[in-house]
Structures are given as structure tokens and as C-alpha cells.
Amino acid sequence: MGLDIRIPIGLMFSIIGLMLSLYGAIAGHDIYQRSLGFNVNLIWGLVLLACGVLTLLATRRSAKRNS
């Protein structure tokens, strides 16, 4: 059976992470005063993007191993 849930989850994390990272990079610095000056959107966007990419790489590696 070819159903693998890792592909849509990896894509979802990657897309949301990319959008959040772009927003964090573009947004003004005034909104980060409450978070002690840390750009939380950029940091967590990069974390989500990394998790999504790692999930997609694990899926691809698993598909090669099963072939």
C-alpha cells in the first residue's frame, strides 16, 4: 500500500515554516518588544521548516530503501 502520511505532514510543516520565516524576516522589530527582542516568528519558522525538510528526507530515504 502506497499511503505514506509523512509526505503531507512534511509539506505542511515546510510550507507553514516558510511562511512564518518570511513574515518574521519582513515584519518590523516593534512587535517583538514583548518577547525581549527575539524574533520568535523567524526562529520558530526556521524550526518548522527544518522539521518539514527532515520529514521529507526521511520519507525519500525510506522509499529508496524499500525499492
N, C-alpha and C. Protein backbone atom coordinates (compact mmCIF):
# COMPACT_ATOMS: atom_id res chain seq x y z
N MET A 1 0.85 -1.18 0.00
CA MET A 1 0.00 0.00 0.00
C MET A 1 0.89 1.24 0.00
N GLY A 2 0.61 2.19 -0.88
CA GLY A 2 1.47 3.34 -1.07
C GLY A 2 1.11 4.56 -0.25
N LEU A 3 0.28 4.42 0.76
CA LEU A 3 -0.13 5.56 1.57
C LEU A 3 0.94 5.87 2.61
N ASP A 4 1.52 7.06 2.54
CA ASP A 4 2.53 7.47 3.49
C ASP A 4 2.17 8.85 4.03
N ILE A 5 1.87 8.93 5.30
CA ILE A 5 1.40 10.16 5.91
C ILE A 5 2.52 11.19 6.08
N ARG A 6 3.78 10.74 5.96
CA ARG A 6 4.90 11.66 6.16
C ARG A 6 5.00 12.72 5.06
N ILE A 7 4.54 12.40 3.87
CA ILE A 7 4.64 13.37 2.77
C ILE A 7 3.76 14.60 3.01
N PRO A 8 2.45 14.46 3.28
CA PRO A 8 1.66 15.67 3.53
C PRO A 8 2.05 16.40 4.82
N ILE A 9 2.49 15.66 5.83
CA ILE A 9 2.91 16.31 7.07
C ILE A 9 4.18 17.11 6.84
N GLY A 10 5.13 16.52 6.11
CA GLY A 10 6.36 17.23 5.79
C GLY A 10 6.11 18.46 4.95
N LEU A 11 5.21 18.35 3.99
CA LEU A 11 4.86 19.51 3.16
C LEU A 11 4.17 20.60 3.99
N MET A 12 3.28 20.19 4.89
CA MET A 12 2.57 21.16 5.72
C MET A 12 3.55 21.92 6.62
N PHE A 13 4.45 21.19 7.30
CA PHE A 13 5.44 21.85 8.15
C PHE A 13 6.35 22.76 7.34
N SER A 14 6.74 22.32 6.15
CA SER A 14 7.64 23.12 5.33
C SER A 14 6.97 24.41 4.86
N ILE A 15 5.73 24.31 4.41
CA ILE A 15 5.02 25.49 3.91
C ILE A 15 4.74 26.49 5.04
N ILE A 16 4.25 25.99 6.16
CA ILE A 16 3.96 26.88 7.29
C ILE A 16 5.26 27.50 7.82
N GLY A 17 6.32 26.70 7.90
CA GLY A 17 7.61 27.21 8.35
C GLY A 17 8.16 28.28 7.43
N LEU A 18 8.00 28.07 6.12
CA LEU A 18 8.47 29.06 5.15
C LEU A 18 7.68 30.36 5.27
N MET A 19 6.36 30.25 5.41
CA MET A 19 5.53 31.45 5.56
C MET A 19 5.86 32.20 6.84
N LEU A 20 6.04 31.48 7.94
CA LEU A 20 6.35 32.11 9.22
C LEU A 20 7.73 32.75 9.19
N SER A 21 8.69 32.10 8.55
CA SER A 21 10.03 32.67 8.44
C SER A 21 10.04 33.94 7.61
N LEU A 22 9.30 33.92 6.51
CA LEU A 22 9.22 35.12 5.67
C LEU A 22 8.56 36.27 6.43
N TYR A 23 7.50 35.96 7.17
CA TYR A 23 6.84 37.01 7.96
C TYR A 23 7.79 37.56 9.02
N GLY A 24 8.54 36.68 9.67
CA GLY A 24 9.48 37.13 10.68
C GLY A 24 10.60 37.97 10.10
N ALA A 25 11.01 37.66 8.86
CA ALA A 25 12.08 38.43 8.24
C ALA A 25 11.59 39.79 7.74
N ILE A 26 10.32 39.87 7.35
CA ILE A 26 9.79 41.10 6.76
C ILE A 26 9.20 42.03 7.82
N ALA A 27 8.61 41.49 8.87
CA ALA A 27 7.89 42.30 9.86
C ALA A 27 8.83 43.27 10.58
N GLY A 28 8.26 44.34 11.06
CA GLY A 28 9.03 45.33 11.80
C GLY A 28 9.47 44.81 13.16
N HIS A 29 10.45 45.45 13.73
CA HIS A 29 11.01 45.00 15.00
C HIS A 29 10.20 45.46 16.21
N ASP A 30 9.24 46.33 16.00
CA ASP A 30 8.44 46.85 17.12
C ASP A 30 7.57 45.79 17.76
N ILE A 31 7.14 44.78 16.99
CA ILE A 31 6.22 43.79 17.53
C ILE A 31 6.93 42.77 18.42
N TYR A 32 8.26 42.80 18.46
CA TYR A 32 9.00 41.82 19.25
C TYR A 32 9.45 42.37 20.60
N GLN A 33 8.93 43.50 21.02
CA GLN A 33 9.29 44.07 22.32
C GLN A 33 8.80 43.22 23.48
N ARG A 34 7.65 42.58 23.32
CA ARG A 34 7.10 41.75 24.39
C ARG A 34 7.87 40.45 24.55
N SER A 35 8.59 40.03 23.51
CA SER A 35 9.35 38.78 23.59
C SER A 35 10.84 39.05 23.81
N LEU A 36 11.13 40.14 24.52
CA LEU A 36 12.50 40.54 24.88
C LEU A 36 13.39 40.77 23.67
N GLY A 37 12.78 41.16 22.56
CA GLY A 37 13.53 41.49 21.36
C GLY A 37 13.85 40.32 20.46
N PHE A 38 13.44 39.11 20.84
CA PHE A 38 13.68 37.94 20.00
C PHE A 38 12.65 37.89 18.88
N ASN A 39 13.11 37.57 17.69
CA ASN A 39 12.21 37.42 16.55
C ASN A 39 11.65 36.00 16.58
N VAL A 40 10.61 35.81 17.35
CA VAL A 40 10.04 34.49 17.60
C VAL A 40 9.49 33.87 16.32
N ASN A 41 8.89 34.68 15.47
CA ASN A 41 8.34 34.15 14.22
C ASN A 41 9.43 33.59 13.33
N LEU A 42 10.55 34.26 13.24
CA LEU A 42 11.65 33.78 12.41
C LEU A 42 12.26 32.51 12.99
N ILE A 43 12.46 32.48 14.30
CA ILE A 43 13.07 31.32 14.94
C ILE A 43 12.19 30.08 14.78
N TRP A 44 10.92 30.19 15.13
CA TRP A 44 10.03 29.03 15.04
C TRP A 44 9.69 28.67 13.60
N GLY A 45 9.71 29.65 12.71
CA GLY A 45 9.53 29.35 11.30
C GLY A 45 10.67 28.49 10.77
N LEU A 46 11.90 28.81 11.17
CA LEU A 46 13.05 28.01 10.76
C LEU A 46 13.01 26.61 11.38
N VAL A 47 12.54 26.52 12.62
CA VAL A 47 12.41 25.21 13.26
C VAL A 47 11.39 24.35 12.53
N LEU A 48 10.24 24.92 12.20
CA LEU A 48 9.22 24.18 11.46
C LEU A 48 9.71 23.79 10.07
N LEU A 49 10.42 24.69 9.42
CA LEU A 49 10.95 24.39 8.10
C LEU A 49 11.95 23.24 8.16
N ALA A 50 12.82 23.25 9.15
CA ALA A 50 13.80 22.17 9.31
C ALA A 50 13.11 20.84 9.59
N CYS A 51 12.09 20.85 10.44
CA CYS A 51 11.35 19.61 10.74
C CYS A 51 10.65 19.08 9.49
N GLY A 52 10.06 19.96 8.71
CA GLY A 52 9.39 19.54 7.48
C GLY A 52 10.36 18.95 6.48
N VAL A 53 11.51 19.60 6.32
CA VAL A 53 12.51 19.09 5.37
C VAL A 53 13.06 17.75 5.84
N LEU A 54 13.32 17.62 7.14
CA LEU A 54 13.81 16.34 7.67
C LEU A 54 12.79 15.23 7.49
N THR A 55 11.52 15.55 7.67
CA THR A 55 10.48 14.56 7.46
C THR A 55 10.42 14.11 6.00
N LEU A 56 10.52 15.06 5.08
CA LEU A 56 10.51 14.72 3.66
C LEU A 56 11.76 13.92 3.26
N LEU A 57 12.91 14.26 3.83
CA LEU A 57 14.13 13.50 3.55
C LEU A 57 14.03 12.08 4.10
N ALA A 58 13.44 11.92 5.27
CA ALA A 58 13.26 10.58 5.84
C ALA A 58 12.32 9.75 4.98
N THR A 59 11.30 10.38 4.43
CA THR A 59 10.38 9.68 3.54
C THR A 59 11.09 9.23 2.27
N ARG A 60 11.89 10.12 1.72
CA ARG A 60 12.61 9.78 0.49
C ARG A 60 13.63 8.68 0.73
N ARG A 61 14.32 8.75 1.86
CA ARG A 61 15.32 7.72 2.20
C ARG A 61 14.64 6.38 2.41
N SER A 62 13.49 6.39 3.06
CA SER A 62 12.75 5.15 3.30
C SER A 62 12.25 4.55 1.99
N ALA A 63 11.83 5.40 1.06
CA ALA A 63 11.33 4.92 -0.23
C ALA A 63 12.46 4.28 -1.03
N LYS A 64 13.66 4.85 -0.96
CA LYS A 64 14.80 4.26 -1.67
C LYS A 64 15.19 2.92 -1.07
N ARG A 65 15.11 2.82 0.23
CA ARG A 65 15.49 1.58 0.91
C ARG A 65 14.50 0.45 0.60
N ASN A 66 13.21 0.78 0.46
CA ASN A 66 12.19 -0.24 0.19
C ASN A 66 12.16 -0.67 -1.27
N SER A 67 12.78 0.09 -2.16
CA SER A 67 12.76 -0.25 -3.58
C SER A 67 13.71 -1.38 -3.92
